[in-house]
Amino acid sequence: MKRVNNEKGFTLVEIAIVLVIIGLLLGGVLKGQQLIANAKIKSLVNHANGLAAAVYAYQDRYKALPGDDPRAQTNLPMASGGCQAANLVNGNGNGQIGEYWAAAEHLACAGLITGTYNGTNQYITSPYSTNVIIYYETVQGKTGNDIRYYNLPADVAQAFDSALDDGVFNTGVIRASAAYTAGTVIASTAFYY
């Protein structure tokens, strides 16, 4: 008597092909997430460099820093960039940006950044939807005018630091308010341009 075997299953080759396909899909998803993260960090670096360029352009055009310009009310056109004459303030010309909201407003009125900044809307927004100011301050022992980013994830702050500086939170031109610890948020990351 002849026995017929009707059991059907997958061969090792078929299982191997399925596993390879799953691996490729997972690899593509993970690589895509990394590409998105890298693009956002590059956007943050470009944002910081753009703000620094705006400050330099303002300084070149008006011979004063935005937010510190003692002739801002005279220099800046009130009808452009959402400027409001009642809120535009003159600085004291001491080389220190003392009113961060005034720095943003001066840059906007000069047409160097977009947005309306008037003491009520005080912050520039970063690519991470966090607040940004341009200000004179001391962070981790470094004093000067800087561009400060609030509440960046630690890995983002460190990547930002590495892209523009040395990757160490308390040295160089990028200073963070705390060490870059995975899973934490850095309250303040300052770029001394």
Foldseek 3Di string as FASTA:
>chain_A
DDDDDPDDDDDPVRVVVVVVVVVVVVVVVVVVVVVVLVVQLVQQLVVQVLVVVLQVVCCVVQVAGQQAAQCLLPPFDQVFLQHDSVQAHHHPRPQWNAQFLRNVQSSSRNVSDHDHGRPVNRFDAGSVRFGWTFGFDDALRDTGTWIKTAWAQLVSLLSNCVVVHPSAQRDDQWHFNDGSDHPGTTGIIIGND
